[in-house]
Amino acid sequence: MAGNIKAVVITIGTVAGQIIQIDVPYAKPKDISESDDNGKVIYDQTLRCQSSAGNDNFTITFK
């Protein structure tokens, strides 16, 4: 999985006026680890925000 560039969209909130959306058009996976949380498998992954031209690493939108 490491090395494959993917688009990532994270949306926080559901009520209009209180929604934050984070767009990362070129996210490059770096590290992934597995842990246990009281019997639940947890995966943690680090992403690097790449740019394609200028300062387009990520955008934050308030909706």
PDB file of N, CA and C in Angstrom:
ATOM      1  N   MET A   1       0.818  -1.188   0.000  1.00  0.00           N
ATOM      2  CA  MET A   1       0.000   0.000   0.000  1.00  0.00           C
ATOM      3  C   MET A   1       0.865   1.255   0.000  1.00  0.00           C
ATOM      4  N   ALA A   2       1.998   1.211   0.669  1.00  0.00           N
ATOM      5  CA  ALA A   2       2.851   2.401   0.709  1.00  0.00           C
ATOM      6  C   ALA A   2       3.274   2.778  -0.702  1.00  0.00           C
ATOM      7  N   GLY A   3       3.228   4.071  -0.987  1.00  0.00           N
ATOM      8  CA  GLY A   3       3.656   4.560  -2.281  1.00  0.00           C
ATOM      9  C   GLY A   3       2.532   4.859  -3.247  1.00  0.00           C
ATOM     10  N   ASN A   4       1.333   4.320  -3.020  1.00  0.00           N
ATOM     11  CA  ASN A   4       0.195   4.584  -3.892  1.00  0.00           C
ATOM     12  C   ASN A   4      -0.471   5.892  -3.496  1.00  0.00           C
ATOM     13  N   ILE A   5      -0.499   6.861  -4.405  1.00  0.00           N
ATOM     14  CA  ILE A   5      -1.104   8.156  -4.102  1.00  0.00           C
ATOM     15  C   ILE A   5      -2.610   8.063  -4.297  1.00  0.00           C
ATOM     16  N   LYS A   6      -3.363   8.510  -3.289  1.00  0.00           N
ATOM     17  CA  LYS A   6      -4.825   8.447  -3.280  1.00  0.00           C
ATOM     18  C   LYS A   6      -5.398   9.789  -2.862  1.00  0.00           C
ATOM     19  N   ALA A   7      -6.631  10.037  -3.246  1.00  0.00           N
ATOM     20  CA  ALA A   7      -7.360  11.214  -2.773  1.00  0.00           C
ATOM     21  C   ALA A   7      -8.047  10.854  -1.455  1.00  0.00           C
ATOM     22  N   VAL A   8      -7.994  11.775  -0.483  1.00  0.00           N
ATOM     23  CA  VAL A   8      -8.623  11.558   0.821  1.00  0.00           C
ATOM     24  C   VAL A   8      -9.548  12.737   1.109  1.00  0.00           C
ATOM     25  N   VAL A   9     -10.784  12.431   1.531  1.00  0.00           N
ATOM     26  CA  VAL A   9     -11.745  13.458   1.930  1.00  0.00           C
ATOM     27  C   VAL A   9     -12.240  13.095   3.330  1.00  0.00           C
ATOM     28  N   ILE A  10     -12.114  14.039   4.260  1.00  0.00           N
ATOM     29  CA  ILE A  10     -12.566  13.836   5.637  1.00  0.00           C
ATOM     30  C   ILE A  10     -13.639  14.879   5.918  1.00  0.00           C
ATOM     31  N   THR A  11     -14.825  14.426   6.328  1.00  0.00           N
ATOM     32  CA  THR A  11     -15.924  15.330   6.659  1.00  0.00           C
ATOM     33  C   THR A  11     -16.245  15.172   8.138  1.00  0.00           C
ATOM     34  N   ILE A  12     -16.282  16.303   8.840  1.00  0.00           N
ATOM     35  CA  ILE A  12     -16.591  16.309  10.267  1.00  0.00           C
ATOM     36  C   ILE A  12     -17.864  17.123  10.454  1.00  0.00           C
ATOM     37  N   GLY A  13     -18.886  16.501  11.029  1.00  0.00           N
ATOM     38  CA  GLY A  13     -20.151  17.185  11.277  1.00  0.00           C
ATOM     39  C   GLY A  13     -21.204  16.828  10.244  1.00  0.00           C
ATOM     40  N   THR A  14     -22.483  17.104  10.598  1.00  0.00           N
ATOM     41  CA  THR A  14     -23.600  16.787   9.714  1.00  0.00           C
ATOM     42  C   THR A  14     -24.605  17.927   9.603  1.00  0.00           C
ATOM     43  N   VAL A  15     -24.467  18.938  10.434  1.00  0.00           N
ATOM     44  CA  VAL A  15     -25.423  20.056  10.453  1.00  0.00           C
ATOM     45  C   VAL A  15     -24.863  21.209   9.623  1.00  0.00           C
ATOM     46  N   ALA A  16     -25.672  21.708   8.677  1.00  0.00           N
ATOM     47  CA  ALA A  16     -25.237  22.820   7.827  1.00  0.00           C
ATOM     48  C   ALA A  16     -24.750  23.983   8.682  1.00  0.00           C
ATOM     49  N   GLY A  17     -23.639  24.565   8.299  1.00  0.00           N
ATOM     50  CA  GLY A  17     -23.033  25.650   9.063  1.00  0.00           C
ATOM     51  C   GLY A  17     -22.057  25.164  10.116  1.00  0.00           C
ATOM     52  N   GLN A  18     -22.055  23.862  10.364  1.00  0.00           N
ATOM     53  CA  GLN A  18     -21.158  23.282  11.369  1.00  0.00           C
ATOM     54  C   GLN A  18     -20.377  22.097  10.795  1.00  0.00           C
ATOM     55  N   ILE A  19     -20.166  22.115   9.480  1.00  0.00           N
ATOM     56  CA  ILE A  19     -19.467  21.023   8.806  1.00  0.00           C
ATOM     57  C   ILE A  19     -18.085  21.505   8.367  1.00  0.00           C
ATOM     58  N   ILE A  20     -17.091  20.707   8.611  1.00  0.00           N
ATOM     59  CA  ILE A  20     -15.724  20.972   8.150  1.00  0.00           C
ATOM     60  C   ILE A  20     -15.335  19.818   7.234  1.00  0.00           C
ATOM     61  N   GLN A  21     -14.835  20.167   6.055  1.00  0.00           N
ATOM     62  CA  GLN A  21     -14.375  19.147   5.114  1.00  0.00           C
ATOM     63  C   GLN A  21     -12.915  19.396   4.781  1.00  0.00           C
ATOM     64  N   ILE A  22     -12.110  18.352   4.881  1.00  0.00           N
ATOM     65  CA  ILE A  22     -10.687  18.423   4.560  1.00  0.00           C
ATOM     66  C   ILE A  22     -10.450  17.555   3.327  1.00  0.00           C
ATOM     67  N   ASP A  23      -9.926  18.166   2.269  1.00  0.00           N
ATOM     68  CA  ASP A  23      -9.632  17.457   1.027  1.00  0.00           C
ATOM     69  C   ASP A  23      -8.128  17.391   0.823  1.00  0.00           C
ATOM     70  N   VAL A  24      -7.621  16.205   0.595  1.00  0.00           N
ATOM     71  CA  VAL A  24      -6.207  15.992   0.267  1.00  0.00           C
ATOM     72  C   VAL A  24      -6.192  15.267  -1.083  1.00  0.00           C
ATOM     73  N   PRO A  25      -5.977  15.990  -2.181  1.00  0.00           N
ATOM     74  CA  PRO A  25      -6.058  15.350  -3.498  1.00  0.00           C
ATOM     75  C   PRO A  25      -4.938  14.358  -3.780  1.00  0.00           C
ATOM     76  N   TYR A  26      -3.795  14.541  -3.153  1.00  0.00           N
ATOM     77  CA  TYR A  26      -2.648  13.653  -3.383  1.00  0.00           C
ATOM     78  C   TYR A  26      -2.054  13.234  -2.043  1.00  0.00           C
ATOM     79  N   ALA A  27      -2.643  12.198  -1.446  1.00  0.00           N
ATOM     80  CA  ALA A  27      -2.159  11.684  -0.163  1.00  0.00           C
ATOM     81  C   ALA A  27      -1.320  10.441  -0.414  1.00  0.00           C
ATOM     82  N   LYS A  28      -0.106  10.458   0.091  1.00  0.00           N
ATOM     83  CA  LYS A  28       0.799   9.321  -0.078  1.00  0.00           C
ATOM     84  C   LYS A  28       0.919   8.582   1.258  1.00  0.00           C
ATOM     85  N   PRO A  29       0.439   7.331   1.316  1.00  0.00           N
ATOM     86  CA  PRO A  29       0.556   6.551   2.555  1.00  0.00           C
ATOM     87  C   PRO A  29       2.018   6.332   2.918  1.00  0.00           C
ATOM     88  N   LYS A  30       2.329   6.471   4.213  1.00  0.00           N
ATOM     89  CA  LYS A  30       3.709   6.272   4.663  1.00  0.00           C
ATOM     90  C   LYS A  30       3.808   5.035   5.545  1.00  0.00           C
ATOM     91  N   ASP A  31       3.251   5.103   6.712  1.00  0.00           N
ATOM     92  CA  ASP A  31       3.398   4.013   7.683  1.00  0.00           C
ATOM     93  C   ASP A  31       2.021   3.513   8.086  1.00  0.00           C
ATOM     94  N   ILE A  32       1.937   2.235   8.372  1.00  0.00           N
ATOM     95  CA  ILE A  32       0.701   1.671   8.912  1.00  0.00           C
ATOM     96  C   ILE A  32       1.084   0.747  10.061  1.00  0.00           C
ATOM     97  N   SER A  33       0.300   0.824  11.132  1.00  0.00           N
ATOM     98  CA  SER A  33       0.559  -0.045  12.275  1.00  0.00           C
ATOM     99  C   SER A  33      -0.763  -0.599  12.785  1.00  0.00           C
ATOM    100  N   GLU A  34      -0.667  -1.714  13.463  1.00  0.00           N
ATOM    101  CA  GLU A  34      -1.841  -2.397  14.004  1.00  0.00           C
ATOM    102  C   GLU A  34      -1.698  -2.480  15.510  1.00  0.00           C
ATOM    103  N   SER A  35      -2.809  -2.240  16.205  1.00  0.00           N
ATOM    104  CA  SER A  35      -2.799  -2.362  17.660  1.00  0.00           C
ATOM    105  C   SER A  35      -4.134  -2.938  18.123  1.00  0.00           C
ATOM    106  N   ASP A  36      -4.226  -3.203  19.413  1.00  0.00           N
ATOM    107  CA  ASP A  36      -5.425  -3.778  20.007  1.00  0.00           C
ATOM    108  C   ASP A  36      -5.997  -2.802  21.022  1.00  0.00           C
ATOM    109  N   ASP A  37      -7.309  -2.586  20.968  1.00  0.00           N
ATOM    110  CA  ASP A  37      -7.988  -1.720  21.933  1.00  0.00           C
ATOM    111  C   ASP A  37      -9.135  -2.520  22.549  1.00  0.00           C
ATOM    112  N   ASN A  38      -8.837  -3.212  23.633  1.00  0.00           N
ATOM    113  CA  ASN A  38      -9.823  -4.050  24.315  1.00  0.00           C
ATOM    114  C   ASN A  38     -10.515  -5.015  23.359  1.00  0.00           C
ATOM    115  N   GLY A  39      -9.735  -5.716  22.552  1.00  0.00           N
ATOM    116  CA  GLY A  39     -10.281  -6.711  21.647  1.00  0.00           C
ATOM    117  C   GLY A  39     -10.643  -6.193  20.264  1.00  0.00           C
ATOM    118  N   LYS A  40     -10.533  -4.893  20.034  1.00  0.00           N
ATOM    119  CA  LYS A  40     -10.804  -4.317  18.716  1.00  0.00           C
ATOM    120  C   LYS A  40      -9.481  -4.040  18.019  1.00  0.00           C
ATOM    121  N   VAL A  41      -9.403  -4.424  16.752  1.00  0.00           N
ATOM    122  CA  VAL A  41      -8.194  -4.165  15.979  1.00  0.00           C
ATOM    123  C   VAL A  41      -8.218  -2.715  15.516  1.00  0.00           C
ATOM    124  N   ILE A  42      -7.148  -1.995  15.763  1.00  0.00           N
ATOM    125  CA  ILE A  42      -7.019  -0.587  15.378  1.00  0.00           C
ATOM    126  C   ILE A  42      -5.871  -0.466  14.387  1.00  0.00           C
ATOM    127  N   TYR A  43      -6.132   0.186  13.260  1.00  0.00           N
ATOM    128  CA  TYR A  43      -5.091   0.466  12.278  1.00  0.00           C
ATOM    129  C   TYR A  43      -4.810   1.960  12.281  1.00  0.00           C
ATOM    130  N   ASP A  44      -3.574   2.329  12.420  1.00  0.00           N
ATOM    131  CA  ASP A  44      -3.136   3.722  12.342  1.00  0.00           C
ATOM    132  C   ASP A  44      -2.300   3.878  11.083  1.00  0.00           C
ATOM    133  N   GLN A  45      -2.580   4.940  10.328  1.00  0.00           N
ATOM    134  CA  GLN A  45      -1.803   5.172   9.114  1.00  0.00           C
ATOM    135  C   GLN A  45      -1.404   6.633   9.032  1.00  0.00           C
ATOM    136  N   THR A  46      -0.156   6.852   8.659  1.00  0.00           N
ATOM    137  CA  THR A  46       0.378   8.187   8.441  1.00  0.00           C
ATOM    138  C   THR A  46       0.327   8.481   6.951  1.00  0.00           C
ATOM    139  N   LEU A  47      -0.155   9.682   6.604  1.00  0.00           N
ATOM    140  CA  LEU A  47      -0.222  10.105   5.211  1.00  0.00           C
ATOM    141  C   LEU A  47       0.622  11.350   5.021  1.00  0.00           C
ATOM    142  N   ARG A  48       1.191  11.467   3.851  1.00  0.00           N
ATOM    143  CA  ARG A  48       1.921  12.683   3.501  1.00  0.00           C
ATOM    144  C   ARG A  48       1.116  13.421   2.442  1.00  0.00           C
ATOM    145  N   CYS A  49       0.833  14.699   2.668  1.00  0.00           N
ATOM    146  CA  CYS A  49       0.082  15.512   1.714  1.00  0.00           C
ATOM    147  C   CYS A  49       1.038  16.011   0.634  1.00  0.00           C
ATOM    148  N   GLN A  50       0.909  15.462  -0.564  1.00  0.00           N
ATOM    149  CA  GLN A  50       1.747  15.847  -1.691  1.00  0.00           C
ATOM    150  C   GLN A  50       1.099  17.021  -2.425  1.00  0.00           C
ATOM    151  N   SER A  51       1.865  17.747  -3.188  1.00  0.00           N
ATOM    152  CA  SER A  51       1.299  18.808  -4.030  1.00  0.00           C
ATOM    153  C   SER A  51       1.534  18.447  -5.485  1.00  0.00           C
ATOM    154  N   SER A  52       0.639  18.916  -6.351  1.00  0.00           N
ATOM    155  CA  SER A  52       0.830  18.682  -7.784  1.00  0.00           C
ATOM    156  C   SER A  52       1.334  19.954  -8.460  1.00  0.00           C
ATOM    157  N   ALA A  53       0.901  21.112  -7.940  1.00  0.00           N
ATOM    158  CA  ALA A  53       1.356  22.396  -8.484  1.00  0.00           C
ATOM    159  C   ALA A  53       1.089  23.471  -7.433  1.00  0.00           C
ATOM    160  N   GLY A  54       2.126  24.151  -6.996  1.00  0.00           N
ATOM    161  CA  GLY A  54       1.932  25.231  -6.017  1.00  0.00           C
ATOM    162  C   GLY A  54       1.549  24.718  -4.644  1.00  0.00           C
ATOM    163  N   ASN A  55       0.646  25.450  -4.003  1.00  0.00           N
ATOM    164  CA  ASN A  55       0.227  25.133  -2.638  1.00  0.00           C
ATOM    165  C   ASN A  55      -1.123  24.431  -2.621  1.00  0.00           C
ATOM    166  N   ASP A  56      -1.229  23.294  -3.289  1.00  0.00           N
ATOM    167  CA  ASP A  56      -2.499  22.567  -3.318  1.00  0.00           C
ATOM    168  C   ASP A  56      -2.435  21.263  -2.526  1.00  0.00           C
ATOM    169  N   ASN A  57      -1.656  21.249  -1.447  1.00  0.00           N
ATOM    170  CA  ASN A  57      -1.497  20.039  -0.633  1.00  0.00           C
ATOM    171  C   ASN A  57      -2.823  19.589  -0.021  1.00  0.00           C
ATOM    172  N   PHE A  58      -3.613  20.555   0.481  1.00  0.00           N
ATOM    173  CA  PHE A  58      -4.914  20.245   1.069  1.00  0.00           C
ATOM    174  C   PHE A  58      -5.761  21.505   1.105  1.00  0.00           C
ATOM    175  N   THR A  59      -7.072  21.309   1.235  1.00  0.00           N
ATOM    176  CA  THR A  59      -7.989  22.429   1.427  1.00  0.00           C
ATOM    177  C   THR A  59      -8.902  22.114   2.588  1.00  0.00           C
ATOM    178  N   ILE A  60      -9.299  23.155   3.323  1.00  0.00           N
ATOM    179  CA  ILE A  60     -10.255  23.039   4.416  1.00  0.00           C
ATOM    180  C   ILE A  60     -11.454  23.900   4.050  1.00  0.00           C
ATOM    181  N   THR A  61     -12.641  23.289   4.021  1.00  0.00           N
ATOM    182  CA  THR A  61     -13.862  23.990   3.646  1.00  0.00           C
ATOM    183  C   THR A  61     -14.838  23.951   4.808  1.00  0.00           C
ATOM    184  N   PHE A  62     -15.424  25.096   5.124  1.00  0.00           N
ATOM    185  CA  PHE A  62     -16.463  25.187   6.138  1.00  0.00           C
ATOM    186  C   PHE A  62     -17.795  25.271   5.427  1.00  0.00           C
ATOM    187  N   LYS A  63     -18.722  24.374   5.770  1.00  0.00           N
ATOM    188  CA  LYS A  63     -20.020  24.314   5.082  1.00  0.00           C
ATOM    189  C   LYS A  63     -21.149  24.576   6.063  1.00  0.00           C
TER     190      LYS A  63
END
